[in-house]
Amino acid sequence: MPKGDKSISAIKASKVADQANMSPGGASTSSSAILEAIATLKSELKEDNDKLRKDINILGQEMRNILDNLTEEMRGLTERMEEAETRVGRVEDITLDLTEALTESIKRQRSIQNKLNDLESRSRRNNIRLFGVGEGEEGRSVTQFVTDFLKRELPSLAELDLKIQRAHRIFTAKPRNNINPRQIIVNFQEYTTKELVLKEAWKKGHIQSNGRNIYFDHDFATEIVQKRMAYREIKKALKEKGVRFQTPYTSMRIHWESGVGMYSSAHEAGLELRKRGLEVEIPTTATEEVAMETRLQKSLGWQREVRPRREHRAPTAQRAKEKLMEFQRSGKND
C-alpha cells in the first residue's frame, strides 16, 4: 500500500477516536466508533494490499517477458554464432586443403621444369654460340661463313670435317645499328667436334672478325642463361681485383689465394665476396616459385595453429546460455 494511503487511514482512525472521546455518549459509543474505524482501516489496507499484489504480479510478468525475449535473442545469436563458426571452419579447412594442393603443385611444377631444362639442354648440347659477328658478314650462307671462319681462325681444325648441320642467327628483330649484332647458333653433328671447337677457341683467346672481338660459348637453355647472368656483378668485382674464376654451367669456381672455392649459386658467391671485403650486390637467393612456396608454407602453419582455438568457442556460448536460463528460472521462482 502506498505511504500516502496509510497516512490518510491513520488520520481517519485518529479523528474517529477523538470524536468518541469527546462525545457525551459514554464508553459504548466510543467502542463502536473505534471498531468501525478499525474495520474501515482493515478494508482500506486489504484494498491497498490487493493493488500492490496486482502491481507486483504485473511487474513480474513484464520481467519474465523481458527475460524470455532476451533468452530468445541469446538463443538466436548463439545459433548464428555457431553457424558462423561452422562456415569459418569449413573455409579454413578448404583453405588448408587448397594451400597444401598448391604447394604440392609448385613442387611438381619445379620438378617438371627441371626435367624440361635438362631435356632442352641435352637438345642444345651439340650447339655453340658466336657473339660479336657483325650483321651481314655471313653473306648468303651462314653455314659456309662459319665453316670458313673456324678453319681460318683455328688452324688446328683446317683439315677436320666439322660436319656443321645448320647455322643461323637467333630469331629476334634485326638491330637498327650494328652495335649489338645478333648471336649466331651453330649446330654440329657430333658433340666431340663441338667440344673441340670450343676448346681451341678458348685456348686461342683473342679472335676477331672485321675488327670485332668474337666470343664462343655453349648454347644454354633460357633458364640456365638467367642463372649464369646472375653472376655478372660478381664477375666484374673479381676482374677488378684480378681474381681468377670460372663459371661451369650454373656454378662458380673462384681461385682464392687460400684455395679454390666452389659456389652453387650467385647468392652464395656474393656472400663469400662480402665476407672477404669485396663490395658487390648480393643476388636474390630464391626464384619466384620458391618464394611463393615459402609464403604458402608460412600460411599453412598459421592455419594449423589457430584451428584448435575455434573448437573452444562453442562451450563458452553454451555456458552463457545456461547462465541466462538459470537467471530466468530464479526470477520465476521469486
Protein backbone atom coordinates (compact mmCIF):
# COMPACT_ATOMS: atom_id res chain seq x y z
CA MET A 1 0.00 0.00 0.00
CA PRO A 2 1.35 3.48 -0.82
CA LYS A 3 2.68 5.57 2.05
CA GLY A 4 0.16 8.38 1.43
CA ASP A 5 -2.80 5.98 1.69
CA LYS A 6 -1.55 4.63 5.04
CA SER A 7 -1.29 8.16 6.44
CA ILE A 8 -4.84 9.02 5.36
CA SER A 9 -6.25 5.87 7.02
CA ALA A 10 -4.36 6.59 10.22
CA ILE A 11 -5.65 10.19 10.29
CA LYS A 12 -9.21 8.95 9.83
CA ALA A 13 -8.85 6.44 12.65
CA SER A 14 -7.37 9.10 14.92
CA LYS A 15 -10.25 11.50 14.20
CA VAL A 16 -12.85 8.84 14.98
CA ALA A 17 -11.15 8.02 18.27
CA ASP A 18 -11.03 11.73 19.21
CA GLN A 19 -14.73 12.17 18.42
CA ALA A 20 -15.60 9.15 20.53
CA ASN A 21 -13.67 10.56 23.45
CA MET A 22 -15.31 13.98 23.15
CA SER A 23 -18.89 12.70 22.78
CA PRO A 24 -21.03 12.56 25.94
CA GLY A 25 -22.47 9.14 25.00
CA GLY A 26 -20.11 7.15 27.08
CA ALA A 27 -17.98 4.06 26.51
CA SER A 28 -20.41 2.20 24.22
CA THR A 29 -20.32 4.97 21.64
CA SER A 30 -16.50 5.18 21.67
CA SER A 31 -16.14 1.40 21.33
CA SER A 32 -18.46 1.22 18.35
CA ALA A 33 -16.68 4.13 16.70
CA ILE A 34 -13.29 2.55 17.25
CA LEU A 35 -14.48 -0.78 15.82
CA GLU A 36 -15.92 0.98 12.83
CA ALA A 37 -12.65 2.84 12.28
CA ILE A 38 -10.69 -0.39 12.57
CA ALA A 39 -12.97 -2.12 10.08
CA THR A 40 -12.60 0.77 7.67
CA LEU A 41 -8.83 0.69 8.11
CA LYS A 42 -8.73 -3.07 7.51
CA SER A 43 -10.81 -2.68 4.36
CA GLU A 44 -8.56 0.02 3.01
CA LEU A 45 -5.43 -1.99 3.89
CA LYS A 46 -6.86 -5.02 2.10
CA GLU A 47 -7.59 -2.94 -0.99
CA ASP A 48 -4.10 -1.48 -0.89
CA ASN A 49 -2.56 -4.93 -0.48
CA ASP A 50 -4.58 -6.30 -3.38
CA LYS A 51 -3.49 -3.41 -5.54
CA LEU A 52 0.12 -3.83 -4.52
CA ARG A 53 0.00 -7.58 -5.23
CA LYS A 54 -1.54 -6.90 -8.60
CA ASP A 55 1.20 -4.39 -9.41
CA ILE A 56 3.88 -6.87 -8.34
CA ASN A 57 2.34 -9.58 -10.50
CA ILE A 58 2.22 -7.23 -13.48
CA LEU A 59 5.86 -6.21 -12.89
CA GLY A 60 6.91 -9.85 -12.55
CA GLN A 61 5.13 -10.74 -15.78
CA GLU A 62 6.86 -7.88 -17.55
CA MET A 63 10.24 -9.06 -16.19
CA ARG A 64 9.52 -12.62 -17.32
CA ASN A 65 8.57 -11.35 -20.78
CA ILE A 66 11.80 -9.36 -20.96
CA LEU A 67 13.82 -12.39 -19.85
CA ASP A 68 12.03 -14.57 -22.40
CA ASN A 69 12.86 -12.08 -25.14
CA LEU A 70 16.48 -11.89 -24.01
CA THR A 71 16.68 -15.66 -23.89
CA GLU A 72 15.23 -15.93 -27.39
CA GLU A 73 17.62 -13.30 -28.70
CA MET A 74 20.54 -15.02 -26.98
CA ARG A 75 19.49 -18.33 -28.47
CA GLY A 76 19.29 -16.76 -31.92
CA LEU A 77 22.69 -15.10 -31.50
CA THR A 78 24.19 -18.37 -30.30
CA GLU A 79 22.79 -20.25 -33.28
CA ARG A 80 24.08 -17.61 -35.66
CA MET A 81 27.49 -17.64 -33.98
CA GLU A 82 27.65 -21.44 -34.18
CA GLU A 83 26.62 -21.28 -37.83
CA ALA A 84 29.28 -18.63 -38.49
CA GLU A 85 31.90 -20.75 -36.72
CA THR A 86 30.89 -23.74 -38.81
CA ARG A 87 31.23 -21.74 -42.01
CA VAL A 88 34.56 -20.28 -40.91
CA GLY A 89 35.73 -23.78 -40.04
CA ARG A 90 34.77 -25.02 -43.50
CA VAL A 91 36.58 -22.10 -45.12
CA GLU A 92 39.67 -22.83 -43.02
CA ASP A 93 39.56 -26.50 -43.99
CA ILE A 94 39.14 -25.65 -47.67
CA THR A 95 41.93 -23.07 -47.47
CA LEU A 96 44.18 -25.60 -45.79
CA ASP A 97 43.46 -28.22 -48.47
CA LEU A 98 43.95 -25.71 -51.30
CA THR A 99 47.20 -24.46 -49.78
CA GLU A 100 48.54 -27.99 -49.48
CA ALA A 101 47.44 -28.78 -53.04
CA LEU A 102 49.00 -25.59 -54.40
CA THR A 103 52.24 -26.25 -52.52
CA GLU A 104 52.39 -29.75 -53.94
CA SER A 105 51.63 -28.39 -57.43
CA ILE A 106 54.50 -25.91 -57.14
CA LYS A 107 56.86 -28.73 -56.14
CA ARG A 108 55.75 -30.85 -59.08
CA GLN A 109 55.96 -27.89 -61.43
CA ARG A 110 59.52 -27.21 -60.29
CA SER A 111 60.41 -30.88 -60.79
CA ILE A 112 58.88 -30.86 -64.28
CA GLN A 113 60.63 -27.56 -65.06
CA ASN A 114 63.98 -29.06 -64.03
CA LYS A 115 63.37 -32.06 -66.28
CA LEU A 116 62.34 -29.75 -69.11
CA ASN A 117 65.50 -27.69 -68.67
CA ASP A 118 67.54 -30.89 -68.73
CA LEU A 119 65.85 -32.03 -71.95
CA GLU A 120 66.32 -28.61 -73.55
CA SER A 121 69.97 -28.54 -72.51
CA ARG A 122 70.51 -32.01 -73.99
CA SER A 123 68.92 -30.89 -77.25
CA ARG A 124 71.40 -27.97 -77.35
CA ARG A 125 74.48 -29.93 -76.31
CA ASN A 126 75.82 -30.01 -79.90
CA ASN A 127 75.39 -26.24 -80.32
CA ILE A 128 77.72 -23.29 -79.79
CA ARG A 129 77.01 -19.57 -79.87
CA LEU A 130 79.13 -16.95 -81.58
CA PHE A 131 78.96 -13.43 -80.16
CA GLY A 132 80.09 -10.29 -81.97
CA VAL A 133 79.80 -11.24 -85.66
CA GLY A 134 78.56 -8.12 -87.46
CA GLU A 135 75.23 -8.13 -89.23
CA GLY A 136 75.61 -9.06 -92.93
CA GLU A 137 79.13 -10.51 -92.65
CA GLU A 138 77.78 -14.02 -93.16
CA GLY A 139 76.61 -13.25 -96.69
CA ARG A 140 74.02 -15.55 -98.18
CA SER A 141 75.06 -18.72 -96.29
CA VAL A 142 75.65 -18.61 -92.54
CA THR A 143 76.81 -22.25 -92.54
CA GLN A 144 79.52 -21.64 -95.14
CA PHE A 145 80.62 -18.45 -93.42
CA VAL A 146 81.04 -20.21 -90.05
CA THR A 147 82.93 -23.13 -91.65
CA ASP A 148 85.40 -20.83 -93.39
CA PHE A 149 85.75 -18.61 -90.31
CA LEU A 150 86.54 -21.51 -87.96
CA LYS A 151 89.10 -23.08 -90.27
CA ARG A 152 90.76 -19.71 -90.85
CA GLU A 153 90.93 -18.63 -87.19
CA LEU A 154 91.60 -22.10 -85.75
CA PRO A 155 94.34 -23.64 -87.91
CA SER A 156 94.27 -26.92 -85.97
CA LEU A 157 90.79 -27.55 -87.42
CA ALA A 158 91.70 -26.79 -91.04
CA GLU A 159 91.77 -30.44 -92.13
CA LEU A 160 88.85 -31.55 -89.90
CA ASP A 161 85.40 -32.19 -91.27
CA LEU A 162 83.36 -30.01 -88.94
CA LYS A 163 80.07 -31.58 -90.00
CA ILE A 164 78.03 -28.42 -89.34
CA GLN A 165 74.38 -29.34 -89.83
CA ARG A 166 72.97 -25.82 -89.65
CA ALA A 167 73.85 -22.30 -88.54
CA HIS A 168 71.64 -19.24 -88.16
CA ARG A 169 71.20 -16.05 -86.20
CA ILE A 170 68.89 -16.02 -83.21
CA PHE A 171 65.27 -15.29 -84.05
CA THR A 172 64.96 -11.72 -82.82
CA ALA A 173 64.44 -8.44 -84.61
CA LYS A 174 67.45 -7.22 -86.54
CA PRO A 175 69.08 -4.29 -84.69
CA ARG A 176 68.88 -0.90 -86.37
CA ASN A 177 72.57 -0.31 -85.78
CA ASN A 178 75.40 -2.80 -85.82
CA ILE A 179 76.49 -2.17 -82.23
CA ASN A 180 74.88 -5.28 -80.77
CA PRO A 181 74.62 -7.82 -83.60
CA ARG A 182 72.52 -10.92 -83.15
CA GLN A 183 74.25 -14.07 -81.97
CA ILE A 184 74.87 -16.99 -84.31
CA ILE A 185 73.90 -20.53 -83.26
CA VAL A 186 75.92 -23.34 -84.82
CA ASN A 187 74.78 -26.96 -84.65
CA PHE A 188 77.34 -29.73 -85.10
CA GLN A 189 76.52 -33.29 -85.97
CA GLU A 190 78.90 -34.63 -83.32
CA TYR A 191 79.28 -33.49 -79.74
CA THR A 192 83.02 -34.17 -79.73
CA THR A 193 83.54 -31.79 -82.63
CA LYS A 194 81.64 -29.06 -80.85
CA GLU A 195 83.73 -29.54 -77.70
CA LEU A 196 86.94 -29.46 -79.76
CA VAL A 197 85.93 -26.17 -81.41
CA LEU A 198 85.21 -24.57 -78.04
CA LYS A 199 88.47 -25.86 -76.58
CA GLU A 200 90.56 -24.47 -79.45
CA ALA A 201 88.70 -21.15 -79.46
CA TRP A 202 89.11 -20.64 -75.71
CA LYS A 203 92.74 -21.74 -75.98
CA LYS A 204 93.48 -19.09 -78.61
CA GLY A 205 91.54 -16.48 -76.67
CA HIS A 206 91.73 -13.38 -78.89
CA ILE A 207 89.69 -13.90 -82.08
CA GLN A 208 88.46 -11.09 -84.31
CA SER A 209 86.37 -10.57 -87.44
CA ASN A 210 86.44 -7.20 -89.23
CA GLY A 211 87.88 -5.55 -86.14
CA ARG A 212 85.31 -7.05 -83.76
CA ASN A 213 86.11 -9.39 -80.90
CA ILE A 214 84.38 -12.76 -81.33
CA TYR A 215 83.42 -14.87 -78.31
CA PHE A 216 82.46 -18.55 -78.16
CA ASP A 217 80.20 -20.21 -75.61
CA HIS A 218 77.82 -23.10 -75.07
CA ASP A 219 74.21 -22.75 -76.23
CA PHE A 220 72.50 -22.86 -72.83
CA ALA A 221 68.76 -23.06 -72.16
CA THR A 222 66.98 -19.81 -71.25
CA GLU A 223 66.70 -20.52 -67.53
CA ILE A 224 70.35 -21.59 -67.39
CA VAL A 225 71.34 -18.32 -69.09
CA GLN A 226 69.39 -16.34 -66.48
CA LYS A 227 71.16 -18.16 -63.65
CA ARG A 228 74.54 -17.52 -65.27
CA MET A 229 73.70 -13.84 -65.80
CA ALA A 230 73.19 -13.51 -62.04
CA TYR A 231 77.00 -13.77 -61.70
CA ARG A 232 77.55 -10.63 -63.79
CA GLU A 233 78.32 -8.22 -60.94
CA ILE A 234 80.38 -10.86 -59.15
CA LYS A 235 82.50 -11.43 -62.27
CA LYS A 236 83.02 -7.69 -62.59
CA ALA A 237 84.22 -7.40 -58.99
CA LEU A 238 86.57 -10.37 -59.35
CA LYS A 239 88.06 -8.98 -62.56
CA GLU A 240 88.73 -5.66 -60.89
CA LYS A 241 90.64 -7.47 -58.12
CA GLY A 242 92.44 -9.75 -60.55
CA VAL A 243 90.96 -12.92 -59.06
CA ARG A 244 90.70 -15.88 -61.42
CA PHE A 245 87.31 -17.56 -61.70
CA GLN A 246 85.32 -20.00 -63.84
CA THR A 247 81.58 -20.50 -64.31
CA PRO A 248 80.89 -24.14 -65.15
CA TYR A 249 77.19 -24.43 -66.00
CA THR A 250 75.26 -22.63 -63.16
CA SER A 251 78.05 -22.75 -60.57
CA MET A 252 81.14 -20.61 -59.97
CA ARG A 253 84.67 -21.69 -59.20
CA ILE A 254 86.87 -18.97 -57.67
CA HIS A 255 90.63 -19.40 -57.27
CA TRP A 256 91.42 -17.62 -54.00
CA GLU A 257 94.94 -17.32 -52.66
CA SER A 258 93.92 -19.69 -49.86
CA GLY A 259 92.49 -22.27 -52.28
CA VAL A 260 89.71 -22.94 -54.74
CA GLY A 261 86.11 -22.24 -53.69
CA MET A 262 83.07 -23.77 -55.42
CA TYR A 263 79.71 -22.00 -55.16
CA SER A 264 76.39 -23.37 -56.41
CA SER A 265 74.58 -20.03 -56.78
CA ALA A 266 75.26 -16.34 -57.31
CA HIS A 267 73.79 -15.62 -53.88
CA GLU A 268 76.27 -17.95 -52.19
CA ALA A 269 79.19 -16.50 -54.17
CA GLY A 270 78.08 -12.94 -53.34
CA LEU A 271 78.03 -13.71 -49.63
CA GLU A 272 81.57 -15.08 -49.87
CA LEU A 273 82.78 -11.93 -51.62
CA ARG A 274 81.18 -9.75 -48.94
CA LYS A 275 82.85 -11.87 -46.26
CA ARG A 276 86.23 -11.27 -47.94
CA GLY A 277 85.69 -7.50 -48.05
CA LEU A 278 84.64 -7.10 -51.70
CA GLU A 279 81.78 -4.69 -52.32
CA VAL A 280 79.22 -6.43 -54.51
CA GLU A 281 75.44 -6.53 -54.75
CA ILE A 282 74.21 -9.89 -53.49
CA PRO A 283 71.68 -11.51 -55.87
CA THR A 284 68.41 -12.82 -54.50
CA THR A 285 68.52 -16.30 -53.04
CA ALA A 286 65.29 -17.77 -54.39
CA THR A 287 63.27 -17.91 -57.57
CA GLU A 288 59.68 -16.67 -57.70
CA GLU A 289 58.34 -20.24 -57.34
CA VAL A 290 60.46 -20.94 -54.27
CA ALA A 291 59.44 -17.63 -52.67
CA MET A 292 55.77 -18.41 -53.31
CA GLU A 293 56.16 -21.86 -51.80
CA THR A 294 57.78 -20.33 -48.69
CA ARG A 295 54.88 -17.90 -48.25
CA LEU A 296 52.37 -20.74 -48.64
CA GLN A 297 54.19 -22.84 -46.06
CA LYS A 298 54.04 -19.95 -43.56
CA SER A 299 50.31 -19.51 -44.24
CA LEU A 300 49.80 -23.25 -43.88
CA GLY A 301 51.45 -23.26 -40.46
CA TRP A 302 49.32 -20.32 -39.26
CA GLN A 303 46.09 -22.14 -40.19
CA ARG A 304 47.14 -25.20 -38.26
CA GLU A 305 47.92 -23.14 -35.15
CA VAL A 306 44.62 -21.24 -34.97
CA ARG A 307 42.37 -24.18 -35.79
CA PRO A 308 42.23 -25.61 -32.19
CA ARG A 309 41.14 -22.19 -30.84
CA ARG A 310 37.96 -22.37 -32.89
CA GLU A 311 36.96 -25.66 -31.21
CA HIS A 312 36.74 -23.99 -27.75
CA ARG A 313 34.25 -21.26 -28.69
CA ALA A 314 31.11 -23.44 -28.63
CA PRO A 315 31.40 -24.44 -24.91
CA THR A 316 31.73 -20.73 -23.96
CA ALA A 317 28.48 -19.88 -25.74
CA GLN A 318 26.80 -22.87 -24.13
CA ARG A 319 27.84 -21.76 -20.64
CA ALA A 320 26.49 -18.27 -21.28
CA LYS A 321 23.16 -19.71 -22.39
CA GLU A 322 22.93 -21.93 -19.28
CA LYS A 323 23.65 -18.95 -17.00
CA LEU A 324 20.84 -17.00 -18.62
CA MET A 325 18.43 -19.91 -18.23
CA GLU A 326 19.32 -20.21 -14.54
CA PHE A 327 18.66 -16.50 -14.07
CA GLN A 328 15.28 -16.86 -15.76
CA ARG A 329 14.29 -19.83 -13.54
CA SER A 330 15.29 -17.95 -10.39
CA GLY A 331 13.15 -14.97 -11.50
CA LYS A 332 10.09 -17.22 -11.93
CA ASN A 333 10.60 -18.82 -8.51
CA ASP A 334 10.69 -15.42 -6.84
